[in-house]
Amino acid sequence: MRKSIKAAALAGLLVFGSMTTSCYGPFQLTKNFHHWNGTVVSNEWGQEGLFLLFNIIPVYGICMLGDAIIFNSIQFWGGENPIKPSAMAAEGEMDQVAALVGLPYQVAVLPTP
């Protein structure tokens, strides 16, 4: 009896391990939700209140779990993430940081495969 439980646990762990490929993806759903949270209310206190509410009600956690298990794996195996970046999302945040601290940077547009 114990051997069958151990074998089932090992088989389940192997199946789960093969489904989660340890790929680090863009977490686009979480980024889009975070951006929406920053635009739905115009003042800082309202944004913080919504942020805390969405953490108490685990909306951010569900978004991250969905990104980590489903959407990033789809991007890893299929090459394209089904969650597109928000049209309102700020582009070039890293470029702004690099310019602020005086680091040289160059922006290049790469062709999409």
PDB file of N, CA and C in Angstrom:
ATOM      1  N   MET A   1       0.815  -1.195   0.000  1.00  0.00           N
ATOM      2  CA  MET A   1       0.000   0.000   0.000  1.00  0.00           C
ATOM      3  C   MET A   1       0.861   1.263   0.000  1.00  0.00           C
ATOM      4  N   ARG A   2       1.911   1.262   0.789  1.00  0.00           N
ATOM      5  CA  ARG A   2       2.781   2.437   0.858  1.00  0.00           C
ATOM      6  C   ARG A   2       3.510   2.672  -0.460  1.00  0.00           C
ATOM      7  N   LYS A   3       3.889   1.590  -1.132  1.00  0.00           N
ATOM      8  CA  LYS A   3       4.599   1.735  -2.399  1.00  0.00           C
ATOM      9  C   LYS A   3       3.715   2.391  -3.451  1.00  0.00           C
ATOM     10  N   SER A   4       2.443   2.034  -3.468  1.00  0.00           N
ATOM     11  CA  SER A   4       1.547   2.627  -4.461  1.00  0.00           C
ATOM     12  C   SER A   4       1.317   4.118  -4.179  1.00  0.00           C
ATOM     13  N   ILE A   5       1.261   4.512  -2.925  1.00  0.00           N
ATOM     14  CA  ILE A   5       1.104   5.931  -2.577  1.00  0.00           C
ATOM     15  C   ILE A   5       2.355   6.701  -2.987  1.00  0.00           C
ATOM     16  N   LYS A   6       3.524   6.138  -2.709  1.00  0.00           N
ATOM     17  CA  LYS A   6       4.773   6.793  -3.105  1.00  0.00           C
ATOM     18  C   LYS A   6       4.895   6.876  -4.613  1.00  0.00           C
ATOM     19  N   ALA A   7       4.498   5.819  -5.323  1.00  0.00           N
ATOM     20  CA  ALA A   7       4.566   5.824  -6.782  1.00  0.00           C
ATOM     21  C   ALA A   7       3.601   6.853  -7.365  1.00  0.00           C
ATOM     22  N   ALA A   8       2.405   6.947  -6.794  1.00  0.00           N
ATOM     23  CA  ALA A   8       1.429   7.932  -7.274  1.00  0.00           C
ATOM     24  C   ALA A   8       1.919   9.351  -6.998  1.00  0.00           C
ATOM     25  N   ALA A   9       2.501   9.571  -5.843  1.00  0.00           N
ATOM     26  CA  ALA A   9       3.032  10.895  -5.514  1.00  0.00           C
ATOM     27  C   ALA A   9       4.183  11.257  -6.446  1.00  0.00           C
ATOM     28  N   LEU A  10       5.052  10.319  -6.727  1.00  0.00           N
ATOM     29  CA  LEU A  10       6.166  10.566  -7.634  1.00  0.00           C
ATOM     30  C   LEU A  10       5.668  10.837  -9.054  1.00  0.00           C
ATOM     31  N   ALA A  11       4.681  10.069  -9.496  1.00  0.00           N
ATOM     32  CA  ALA A  11       4.122  10.285 -10.835  1.00  0.00           C
ATOM     33  C   ALA A  11       3.458  11.666 -10.922  1.00  0.00           C
ATOM     34  N   GLY A  12       2.724  12.037  -9.884  1.00  0.00           N
ATOM     35  CA  GLY A  12       2.100  13.359  -9.863  1.00  0.00           C
ATOM     36  C   GLY A  12       3.128  14.470  -9.871  1.00  0.00           C
ATOM     37  N   LEU A  13       4.203  14.291  -9.125  1.00  0.00           N
ATOM     38  CA  LEU A  13       5.277  15.289  -9.096  1.00  0.00           C
ATOM     39  C   LEU A  13       5.960  15.403 -10.452  1.00  0.00           C
ATOM     40  N   LEU A  14       6.177  14.286 -11.129  1.00  0.00           N
ATOM     41  CA  LEU A  14       6.793  14.320 -12.458  1.00  0.00           C
ATOM     42  C   LEU A  14       5.885  14.996 -13.483  1.00  0.00           C
ATOM     43  N   VAL A  15       4.588  14.714 -13.422  1.00  0.00           N
ATOM     44  CA  VAL A  15       3.646  15.355 -14.347  1.00  0.00           C
ATOM     45  C   VAL A  15       3.599  16.853 -14.080  1.00  0.00           C
ATOM     46  N   PHE A  16       3.507  17.242 -12.806  1.00  0.00           N
ATOM     47  CA  PHE A  16       3.475  18.664 -12.462  1.00  0.00           C
ATOM     48  C   PHE A  16       4.774  19.353 -12.864  1.00  0.00           C
ATOM     49  N   GLY A  17       5.893  18.679 -12.656  1.00  0.00           N
ATOM     50  CA  GLY A  17       7.189  19.247 -13.026  1.00  0.00           C
ATOM     51  C   GLY A  17       7.345  19.438 -14.526  1.00  0.00           C
ATOM     52  N   SER A  18       6.767  18.537 -15.305  1.00  0.00           N
ATOM     53  CA  SER A  18       6.867  18.695 -16.758  1.00  0.00           C
ATOM     54  C   SER A  18       5.947  19.791 -17.267  1.00  0.00           C
ATOM     55  N   MET A  19       4.858  20.063 -16.542  1.00  0.00           N
ATOM     56  CA  MET A  19       3.940  21.127 -16.958  1.00  0.00           C
ATOM     57  C   MET A  19       4.498  22.510 -16.632  1.00  0.00           C
ATOM     58  N   THR A  20       5.198  22.634 -15.538  1.00  0.00           N
ATOM     59  CA  THR A  20       5.799  23.917 -15.168  1.00  0.00           C
ATOM     60  C   THR A  20       7.262  23.855 -15.587  1.00  0.00           C
ATOM     61  N   THR A  21       7.570  24.476 -16.673  1.00  0.00           N
ATOM     62  CA  THR A  21       8.871  24.306 -17.301  1.00  0.00           C
ATOM     63  C   THR A  21       9.945  25.234 -16.751  1.00  0.00           C
ATOM     64  N   SER A  22       9.633  25.942 -15.697  1.00  0.00           N
ATOM     65  CA  SER A  22      10.575  26.887 -15.085  1.00  0.00           C
ATOM     66  C   SER A  22      10.987  27.984 -16.043  1.00  0.00           C
ATOM     67  N   CYS A  23      10.122  28.332 -16.965  1.00  0.00           N
ATOM     68  CA  CYS A  23      10.434  29.435 -17.862  1.00  0.00           C
ATOM     69  C   CYS A  23      10.017  30.731 -17.178  1.00  0.00           C
ATOM     70  N   TYR A  24      10.852  31.704 -17.270  1.00  0.00           N
ATOM     71  CA  TYR A  24      10.535  33.001 -16.697  1.00  0.00           C
ATOM     72  C   TYR A  24       9.947  33.848 -17.803  1.00  0.00           C
ATOM     73  N   GLY A  25       8.697  34.167 -17.686  1.00  0.00           N
ATOM     74  CA  GLY A  25       8.013  34.903 -18.738  1.00  0.00           C
ATOM     75  C   GLY A  25       7.750  36.342 -18.349  1.00  0.00           C
ATOM     76  N   PRO A  26       6.998  37.047 -19.183  1.00  0.00           N
ATOM     77  CA  PRO A  26       6.773  38.464 -18.958  1.00  0.00           C
ATOM     78  C   PRO A  26       5.693  38.774 -17.924  1.00  0.00           C
ATOM     79  N   PHE A  27       4.921  37.793 -17.453  1.00  0.00           N
ATOM     80  CA  PHE A  27       3.838  38.016 -16.499  1.00  0.00           C
ATOM     81  C   PHE A  27       2.938  39.149 -16.975  1.00  0.00           C
ATOM     82  N   GLN A  28       2.475  39.036 -18.216  1.00  0.00           N
ATOM     83  CA  GLN A  28       1.741  40.120 -18.859  1.00  0.00           C
ATOM     84  C   GLN A  28       0.379  40.369 -18.222  1.00  0.00           C
ATOM     85  N   LEU A  29      -0.314  39.334 -17.793  1.00  0.00           N
ATOM     86  CA  LEU A  29      -1.607  39.520 -17.140  1.00  0.00           C
ATOM     87  C   LEU A  29      -1.446  40.330 -15.862  1.00  0.00           C
ATOM     88  N   THR A  30      -0.443  40.002 -15.062  1.00  0.00           N
ATOM     89  CA  THR A  30      -0.202  40.723 -13.816  1.00  0.00           C
ATOM     90  C   THR A  30       0.197  42.171 -14.097  1.00  0.00           C
ATOM     91  N   LYS A  31       1.035  42.387 -15.098  1.00  0.00           N
ATOM     92  CA  LYS A  31       1.424  43.758 -15.457  1.00  0.00           C
ATOM     93  C   LYS A  31       0.227  44.565 -15.926  1.00  0.00           C
ATOM     94  N   ASN A  32      -0.623  43.962 -16.767  1.00  0.00           N
ATOM     95  CA  ASN A  32      -1.809  44.668 -17.257  1.00  0.00           C
ATOM     96  C   ASN A  32      -2.762  45.006 -16.112  1.00  0.00           C
ATOM     97  N   PHE A  33      -2.942  44.068 -15.181  1.00  0.00           N
ATOM     98  CA  PHE A  33      -3.833  44.326 -14.048  1.00  0.00           C
ATOM     99  C   PHE A  33      -3.250  45.415 -13.148  1.00  0.00           C
ATOM    100  N   HIS A  34      -1.957  45.374 -12.919  1.00  0.00           N
ATOM    101  CA  HIS A  34      -1.306  46.403 -12.095  1.00  0.00           C
ATOM    102  C   HIS A  34      -1.428  47.780 -12.761  1.00  0.00           C
ATOM    103  N   HIS A  35      -1.267  47.825 -14.078  1.00  0.00           N
ATOM    104  CA  HIS A  35      -1.413  49.094 -14.790  1.00  0.00           C
ATOM    105  C   HIS A  35      -2.850  49.594 -14.703  1.00  0.00           C
ATOM    106  N   TRP A  36      -3.808  48.705 -14.854  1.00  0.00           N
ATOM    107  CA  TRP A  36      -5.207  49.098 -14.730  1.00  0.00           C
ATOM    108  C   TRP A  36      -5.485  49.650 -13.339  1.00  0.00           C
ATOM    109  N   ASN A  37      -4.924  49.004 -12.317  1.00  0.00           N
ATOM    110  CA  ASN A  37      -5.110  49.466 -10.944  1.00  0.00           C
ATOM    111  C   ASN A  37      -4.564  50.882 -10.771  1.00  0.00           C
ATOM    112  N   GLY A  38      -3.491  51.230 -11.467  1.00  0.00           N
ATOM    113  CA  GLY A  38      -2.910  52.561 -11.370  1.00  0.00           C
ATOM    114  C   GLY A  38      -3.678  53.619 -12.138  1.00  0.00           C
ATOM    115  N   THR A  39      -4.546  53.210 -13.053  1.00  0.00           N
ATOM    116  CA  THR A  39      -5.269  54.194 -13.855  1.00  0.00           C
ATOM    117  C   THR A  39      -6.733  54.337 -13.473  1.00  0.00           C
ATOM    118  N   VAL A  40      -7.286  53.417 -12.705  1.00  0.00           N
ATOM    119  CA  VAL A  40      -8.712  53.454 -12.395  1.00  0.00           C
ATOM    120  C   VAL A  40      -9.035  54.556 -11.379  1.00  0.00           C
ATOM    121  N   VAL A  41      -8.107  54.892 -10.513  1.00  0.00           N
ATOM    122  CA  VAL A  41      -8.295  55.953  -9.524  1.00  0.00           C
ATOM    123  C   VAL A  41      -7.160  56.944  -9.696  1.00  0.00           C
ATOM    124  N   SER A  42      -7.460  58.235  -9.590  1.00  0.00           N
ATOM    125  CA  SER A  42      -6.437  59.236  -9.897  1.00  0.00           C
ATOM    126  C   SER A  42      -5.544  59.605  -8.716  1.00  0.00           C
ATOM    127  N   ASN A  43      -5.950  59.323  -7.473  1.00  0.00           N
ATOM    128  CA  ASN A  43      -5.080  59.714  -6.354  1.00  0.00           C
ATOM    129  C   ASN A  43      -4.345  58.514  -5.765  1.00  0.00           C
ATOM    130  N   GLU A  44      -3.262  58.792  -5.051  1.00  0.00           N
ATOM    131  CA  GLU A  44      -2.396  57.730  -4.519  1.00  0.00           C
ATOM    132  C   GLU A  44      -3.097  56.881  -3.468  1.00  0.00           C
ATOM    133  N   TRP A  45      -3.923  57.509  -2.622  1.00  0.00           N
ATOM    134  CA  TRP A  45      -4.584  56.767  -1.553  1.00  0.00           C
ATOM    135  C   TRP A  45      -5.601  55.781  -2.110  1.00  0.00           C
ATOM    136  N   GLY A  46      -6.308  56.194  -3.139  1.00  0.00           N
ATOM    137  CA  GLY A  46      -7.249  55.278  -3.785  1.00  0.00           C
ATOM    138  C   GLY A  46      -6.546  54.113  -4.450  1.00  0.00           C
ATOM    139  N   GLN A  47      -5.423  54.405  -5.103  1.00  0.00           N
ATOM    140  CA  GLN A  47      -4.645  53.338  -5.739  1.00  0.00           C
ATOM    141  C   GLN A  47      -4.123  52.360  -4.697  1.00  0.00           C
ATOM    142  N   GLU A  48      -3.629  52.887  -3.579  1.00  0.00           N
ATOM    143  CA  GLU A  48      -3.114  52.017  -2.514  1.00  0.00           C
ATOM    144  C   GLU A  48      -4.236  51.184  -1.901  1.00  0.00           C
ATOM    145  N   GLY A  49      -5.405  51.811  -1.706  1.00  0.00           N
ATOM    146  CA  GLY A  49      -6.547  51.077  -1.169  1.00  0.00           C
ATOM    147  C   GLY A  49      -6.962  49.930  -2.083  1.00  0.00           C
ATOM    148  N   LEU A  50      -7.034  50.201  -3.389  1.00  0.00           N
ATOM    149  CA  LEU A  50      -7.367  49.131  -4.333  1.00  0.00           C
ATOM    150  C   LEU A  50      -6.290  48.057  -4.360  1.00  0.00           C
ATOM    151  N   PHE A  51      -5.026  48.484  -4.303  1.00  0.00           N
ATOM    152  CA  PHE A  51      -3.918  47.518  -4.290  1.00  0.00           C
ATOM    153  C   PHE A  51      -4.049  46.583  -3.083  1.00  0.00           C
ATOM    154  N   LEU A  52      -4.309  47.156  -1.905  1.00  0.00           N
ATOM    155  CA  LEU A  52      -4.453  46.325  -0.709  1.00  0.00           C
ATOM    156  C   LEU A  52      -5.686  45.430  -0.805  1.00  0.00           C
ATOM    157  N   LEU A  53      -6.784  45.975  -1.306  1.00  0.00           N
ATOM    158  CA  LEU A  53      -7.995  45.176  -1.464  1.00  0.00           C
ATOM    159  C   LEU A  53      -7.760  44.000  -2.409  1.00  0.00           C
ATOM    160  N   PHE A  54      -7.080  44.258  -3.521  1.00  0.00           N
ATOM    161  CA  PHE A  54      -6.832  43.191  -4.490  1.00  0.00           C
ATOM    162  C   PHE A  54      -5.767  42.207  -4.013  1.00  0.00           C
ATOM    163  N   ASN A  55      -5.037  42.551  -2.959  1.00  0.00           N
ATOM    164  CA  ASN A  55      -4.141  41.576  -2.351  1.00  0.00           C
ATOM    165  C   ASN A  55      -4.846  40.778  -1.269  1.00  0.00           C
ATOM    166  N   ILE A  56      -5.786  41.419  -0.543  1.00  0.00           N
ATOM    167  CA  ILE A  56      -6.557  40.693   0.461  1.00  0.00           C
ATOM    168  C   ILE A  56      -7.490  39.707  -0.227  1.00  0.00           C
ATOM    169  N   ILE A  57      -8.230  40.193  -1.231  1.00  0.00           N
ATOM    170  CA  ILE A  57      -8.964  39.299  -2.123  1.00  0.00           C
ATOM    171  C   ILE A  57      -7.909  38.914  -3.161  1.00  0.00           C
ATOM    172  N   PRO A  58      -7.451  37.697  -3.213  1.00  0.00           N
ATOM    173  CA  PRO A  58      -6.198  37.392  -3.929  1.00  0.00           C
ATOM    174  C   PRO A  58      -6.254  37.529  -5.452  1.00  0.00           C
ATOM    175  N   VAL A  59      -6.622  38.701  -5.937  1.00  0.00           N
ATOM    176  CA  VAL A  59      -6.675  38.918  -7.379  1.00  0.00           C
ATOM    177  C   VAL A  59      -5.262  38.923  -7.962  1.00  0.00           C
ATOM    178  N   TYR A  60      -4.339  39.631  -7.306  1.00  0.00           N
ATOM    179  CA  TYR A  60      -2.958  39.643  -7.789  1.00  0.00           C
ATOM    180  C   TYR A  60      -2.355  38.235  -7.744  1.00  0.00           C
ATOM    181  N   GLY A  61      -2.640  37.494  -6.693  1.00  0.00           N
ATOM    182  CA  GLY A  61      -2.127  36.132  -6.583  1.00  0.00           C
ATOM    183  C   GLY A  61      -2.657  35.223  -7.669  1.00  0.00           C
ATOM    184  N   ILE A  62      -3.941  35.368  -7.997  1.00  0.00           N
ATOM    185  CA  ILE A  62      -4.541  34.554  -9.063  1.00  0.00           C
ATOM    186  C   ILE A  62      -3.945  34.935 -10.408  1.00  0.00           C
ATOM    187  N   CYS A  63      -3.731  36.251 -10.619  1.00  0.00           N
ATOM    188  CA  CYS A  63      -3.101  36.689 -11.880  1.00  0.00           C
ATOM    189  C   CYS A  63      -1.690  36.121 -12.006  1.00  0.00           C
ATOM    190  N   MET A  64      -0.919  36.188 -10.919  1.00  0.00           N
ATOM    191  CA  MET A  64       0.451  35.665 -10.968  1.00  0.00           C
ATOM    192  C   MET A  64       0.464  34.155 -11.170  1.00  0.00           C
ATOM    193  N   LEU A  65      -0.441  33.460 -10.514  1.00  0.00           N
ATOM    194  CA  LEU A  65      -0.508  32.006 -10.682  1.00  0.00           C
ATOM    195  C   LEU A  65      -0.898  31.642 -12.105  1.00  0.00           C
ATOM    196  N   GLY A  66      -1.872  32.368 -12.654  1.00  0.00           N
ATOM    197  CA  GLY A  66      -2.259  32.124 -14.042  1.00  0.00           C
ATOM    198  C   GLY A  66      -1.122  32.406 -15.008  1.00  0.00           C
ATOM    199  N   ASP A  67      -0.394  33.498 -14.762  1.00  0.00           N
ATOM    200  CA  ASP A  67       0.763  33.809 -15.595  1.00  0.00           C
ATOM    201  C   ASP A  67       1.825  32.725 -15.485  1.00  0.00           C
ATOM    202  N   ALA A  68       2.162  32.343 -14.261  1.00  0.00           N
ATOM    203  CA  ALA A  68       3.257  31.398 -14.048  1.00  0.00           C
ATOM    204  C   ALA A  68       2.951  30.015 -14.613  1.00  0.00           C
ATOM    205  N   ILE A  69       1.738  29.540 -14.415  1.00  0.00           N
ATOM    206  CA  ILE A  69       1.426  28.167 -14.815  1.00  0.00           C
ATOM    207  C   ILE A  69       0.889  28.090 -16.243  1.00  0.00           C
ATOM    208  N   ILE A  70       0.024  29.017 -16.624  1.00  0.00           N
ATOM    209  CA  ILE A  70      -0.664  28.876 -17.910  1.00  0.00           C
ATOM    210  C   ILE A  70      -0.025  29.729 -19.002  1.00  0.00           C
ATOM    211  N   PHE A  71      -0.086  31.054 -18.851  1.00  0.00           N
ATOM    212  CA  PHE A  71       0.232  31.943 -19.962  1.00  0.00           C
ATOM    213  C   PHE A  71       1.726  31.973 -20.307  1.00  0.00           C
ATOM    214  N   ASN A  72       2.602  31.954 -19.298  1.00  0.00           N
ATOM    215  CA  ASN A  72       4.032  31.917 -19.598  1.00  0.00           C
ATOM    216  C   ASN A  72       4.440  30.579 -20.204  1.00  0.00           C
ATOM    217  N   SER A  73       3.784  29.490 -19.780  1.00  0.00           N
ATOM    218  CA  SER A  73       4.066  28.184 -20.385  1.00  0.00           C
ATOM    219  C   SER A  73       3.595  28.137 -21.832  1.00  0.00           C
ATOM    220  N   ILE A  74       2.435  28.753 -22.111  1.00  0.00           N
ATOM    221  CA  ILE A  74       1.960  28.825 -23.494  1.00  0.00           C
ATOM    222  C   ILE A  74       2.957  29.594 -24.344  1.00  0.00           C
ATOM    223  N   GLN A  75       3.485  30.690 -23.791  1.00  0.00           N
ATOM    224  CA  GLN A  75       4.474  31.465 -24.546  1.00  0.00           C
ATOM    225  C   GLN A  75       5.755  30.652 -24.753  1.00  0.00           C
ATOM    226  N   PHE A  76       6.179  29.915 -23.742  1.00  0.00           N
ATOM    227  CA  PHE A  76       7.394  29.121 -23.852  1.00  0.00           C
ATOM    228  C   PHE A  76       7.245  28.038 -24.911  1.00  0.00           C
ATOM    229  N   TRP A  77       6.129  27.314 -24.892  1.00  0.00           N
ATOM    230  CA  TRP A  77       5.938  26.203 -25.806  1.00  0.00           C
ATOM    231  C   TRP A  77       5.420  26.634 -27.170  1.00  0.00           C
ATOM    232  N   GLY A  78       4.619  27.691 -27.214  1.00  0.00           N
ATOM    233  CA  GLY A  78       4.012  28.104 -28.481  1.00  0.00           C
ATOM    234  C   GLY A  78       4.653  29.316 -29.122  1.00  0.00           C
ATOM    235  N   GLY A  79       5.441  30.066 -28.360  1.00  0.00           N
ATOM    236  CA  GLY A  79       6.138  31.211 -28.916  1.00  0.00           C
ATOM    237  C   GLY A  79       5.401  32.530 -28.807  1.00  0.00           C
ATOM    238  N   GLU A  80       4.132  32.513 -28.386  1.00  0.00           N
ATOM    239  CA  GLU A  80       3.380  33.763 -28.294  1.00  0.00           C
ATOM    240  C   GLU A  80       2.492  33.722 -27.061  1.00  0.00           C
ATOM    241  N   ASN A  81       2.525  34.800 -26.299  1.00  0.00           N
ATOM    242  CA  ASN A  81       1.704  34.910 -25.106  1.00  0.00           C
ATOM    243  C   ASN A  81       0.298  35.339 -25.518  1.00  0.00           C
ATOM    244  N   PRO A  82      -0.750  34.614 -25.066  1.00  0.00           N
ATOM    245  CA  PRO A  82      -2.108  35.003 -25.446  1.00  0.00           C
ATOM    246  C   PRO A  82      -2.554  36.308 -24.797  1.00  0.00           C
ATOM    247  N   ILE A  83      -1.894  36.747 -23.746  1.00  0.00           N
ATOM    248  CA  ILE A  83      -2.220  38.017 -23.098  1.00  0.00           C
ATOM    249  C   ILE A  83      -1.317  39.083 -23.705  1.00  0.00           C
ATOM    250  N   LYS A  84      -1.921  40.022 -24.391  1.00  0.00           N
ATOM    251  CA  LYS A  84      -1.159  41.088 -25.046  1.00  0.00           C
ATOM    252  C   LYS A  84      -0.923  42.236 -24.069  1.00  0.00           C
ATOM    253  N   PRO A  85       0.159  42.990 -24.259  1.00  0.00           N
ATOM    254  CA  PRO A  85       0.389  44.160 -23.402  1.00  0.00           C
ATOM    255  C   PRO A  85      -0.752  45.152 -23.538  1.00  0.00           C
ATOM    256  N   SER A  86      -1.058  45.792 -22.456  1.00  0.00           N
ATOM    257  CA  SER A  86      -2.113  46.795 -22.461  1.00  0.00           C
ATOM    258  C   SER A  86      -1.740  47.934 -23.396  1.00  0.00           C
ATOM    259  N   ALA A  87      -2.708  48.461 -24.116  1.00  0.00           N
ATOM    260  CA  ALA A  87      -2.443  49.577 -25.034  1.00  0.00           C
ATOM    261  C   ALA A  87      -2.017  50.817 -24.269  1.00  0.00           C
ATOM    262  N   MET A  88      -2.393  50.885 -22.988  1.00  0.00           N
ATOM    263  CA  MET A  88      -2.057  52.047 -22.185  1.00  0.00           C
ATOM    264  C   MET A  88      -0.771  51.857 -21.394  1.00  0.00           C
ATOM    265  N   ALA A  89      -0.178  50.675 -21.440  1.00  0.00           N
ATOM    266  CA  ALA A  89       1.008  50.398 -20.637  1.00  0.00           C
ATOM    267  C   ALA A  89       2.165  51.277 -21.075  1.00  0.00           C
ATOM    268  N   ALA A  90       2.904  51.727 -20.097  1.00  0.00           N
ATOM    269  CA  ALA A  90       4.048  52.592 -20.385  1.00  0.00           C
ATOM    270  C   ALA A  90       5.152  51.782 -21.031  1.00  0.00           C
ATOM    271  N   GLU A  91       5.667  52.259 -22.131  1.00  0.00           N
ATOM    272  CA  GLU A  91       6.763  51.598 -22.820  1.00  0.00           C
ATOM    273  C   GLU A  91       8.072  52.299 -22.461  1.00  0.00           C
ATOM    274  N   GLY A  92       9.140  51.576 -22.460  1.00  0.00           N
ATOM    275  CA  GLY A  92      10.455  52.163 -22.272  1.00  0.00           C
ATOM    276  C   GLY A  92      10.749  52.628 -20.862  1.00  0.00           C
ATOM    277  N   GLU A  93      10.192  51.949 -19.840  1.00  0.00           N
ATOM    278  CA  GLU A  93      10.470  52.356 -18.477  1.00  0.00           C
ATOM    279  C   GLU A  93      11.951  52.216 -18.155  1.00  0.00           C
ATOM    280  N   MET A  94      12.580  51.160 -18.631  1.00  0.00           N
ATOM    281  CA  MET A  94      14.000  50.957 -18.366  1.00  0.00           C
ATOM    282  C   MET A  94      14.827  52.042 -19.037  1.00  0.00           C
ATOM    283  N   ASP A  95      14.418  52.483 -20.226  1.00  0.00           N
ATOM    284  CA  ASP A  95      15.135  53.559 -20.899  1.00  0.00           C
ATOM    285  C   ASP A  95      15.069  54.838 -20.079  1.00  0.00           C
ATOM    286  N   GLN A  96      13.934  55.112 -19.471  1.00  0.00           N
ATOM    287  CA  GLN A  96      13.800  56.308 -18.647  1.00  0.00           C
ATOM    288  C   GLN A  96      14.701  56.224 -17.427  1.00  0.00           C
ATOM    289  N   VAL A  97      14.798  55.052 -16.826  1.00  0.00           N
ATOM    290  CA  VAL A  97      15.679  54.875 -15.671  1.00  0.00           C
ATOM    291  C   VAL A  97      17.134  55.034 -16.091  1.00  0.00           C
ATOM    292  N   ALA A  98      17.509  54.445 -17.211  1.00  0.00           N
ATOM    293  CA  ALA A  98      18.885  54.557 -17.689  1.00  0.00           C
ATOM    294  C   ALA A  98      19.235  56.013 -17.994  1.00  0.00           C
ATOM    295  N   ALA A  99      18.315  56.751 -18.573  1.00  0.00           N
ATOM    296  CA  ALA A  99      18.581  58.153 -18.872  1.00  0.00           C
ATOM    297  C   ALA A  99      18.694  58.968 -17.597  1.00  0.00           C
ATOM    298  N   LEU A 100      17.910  58.625 -16.592  1.00  0.00           N
ATOM    299  CA  LEU A 100      17.925  59.360 -15.333  1.00  0.00           C
ATOM    300  C   LEU A 100      19.268  59.222 -14.621  1.00  0.00           C
ATOM    301  N   VAL A 101      19.853  58.035 -14.622  1.00  0.00           N
ATOM    302  CA  VAL A 101      21.127  57.837 -13.943  1.00  0.00           C
ATOM    303  C   VAL A 101      22.320  58.077 -14.859  1.00  0.00           C
ATOM    304  N   GLY A 102      22.065  58.414 -16.112  1.00  0.00           N
ATOM    305  CA  GLY A 102      23.146  58.778 -17.022  1.00  0.00           C
ATOM    306  C   GLY A 102      23.816  57.621 -17.727  1.00  0.00           C
ATOM    307  N   LEU A 103      23.164  56.482 -17.801  1.00  0.00           N
ATOM    308  CA  LEU A 103      23.744  55.344 -18.503  1.00  0.00           C
ATOM    309  C   LEU A 103      23.469  55.455 -20.000  1.00  0.00           C
ATOM    310  N   PRO A 104      24.442  55.120 -20.823  1.00  0.00           N
ATOM    311  CA  PRO A 104      24.172  55.131 -22.261  1.00  0.00           C
ATOM    312  C   PRO A 104      23.288  53.940 -22.635  1.00  0.00           C
ATOM    313  N   TYR A 105      22.364  54.179 -23.504  1.00  0.00           N
ATOM    314  CA  TYR A 105      21.498  53.104 -23.974  1.00  0.00           C
ATOM    315  C   TYR A 105      21.136  53.365 -25.422  1.00  0.00           C
ATOM    316  N   GLN A 106      20.735  52.309 -26.095  1.00  0.00           N
ATOM    317  CA  GLN A 106      20.350  52.406 -27.486  1.00  0.00           C
ATOM    318  C   GLN A 106      19.093  51.575 -27.695  1.00  0.00           C
ATOM    319  N   VAL A 107      18.124  52.142 -28.371  1.00  0.00           N
ATOM    320  CA  VAL A 107      16.877  51.453 -28.628  1.00  0.00           C
ATOM    321  C   VAL A 107      16.912  50.919 -30.047  1.00  0.00           C
ATOM    322  N   ALA A 108      16.652  49.633 -30.182  1.00  0.00           N
ATOM    323  CA  ALA A 108      16.640  49.011 -31.510  1.00  0.00           C
ATOM    324  C   ALA A 108      15.330  48.246 -31.661  1.00  0.00           C
ATOM    325  N   VAL A 109      14.702  48.391 -32.804  1.00  0.00           N
ATOM    326  CA  VAL A 109      13.474  47.649 -33.093  1.00  0.00           C
ATOM    327  C   VAL A 109      13.878  46.369 -33.811  1.00  0.00           C
ATOM    328  N   LEU A 110      13.515  45.256 -33.207  1.00  0.00           N
ATOM    329  CA  LEU A 110      13.860  43.953 -33.766  1.00  0.00           C
ATOM    330  C   LEU A 110      12.668  43.410 -34.542  1.00  0.00           C
ATOM    331  N   PRO A 111      12.912  42.729 -35.642  1.00  0.00           N
ATOM    332  CA  PRO A 111      11.795  42.150 -36.386  1.00  0.00           C
ATOM    333  C   PRO A 111      11.173  41.006 -35.597  1.00  0.00           C
ATOM    334  N   THR A 112       9.856  40.899 -35.690  1.00  0.00           N
ATOM    335  CA  THR A 112       9.185  39.807 -35.008  1.00  0.00           C
ATOM    336  C   THR A 112       9.260  38.551 -35.862  1.00  0.00           C
ATOM    337  N   PRO A 113       9.513  37.424 -35.199  1.00  0.00           N
ATOM    338  CA  PRO A 113       9.640  36.171 -35.974  1.00  0.00           C
ATOM    339  C   PRO A 113       8.329  35.699 -36.521  1.00  0.00           C
TER     340      PRO A 113
END
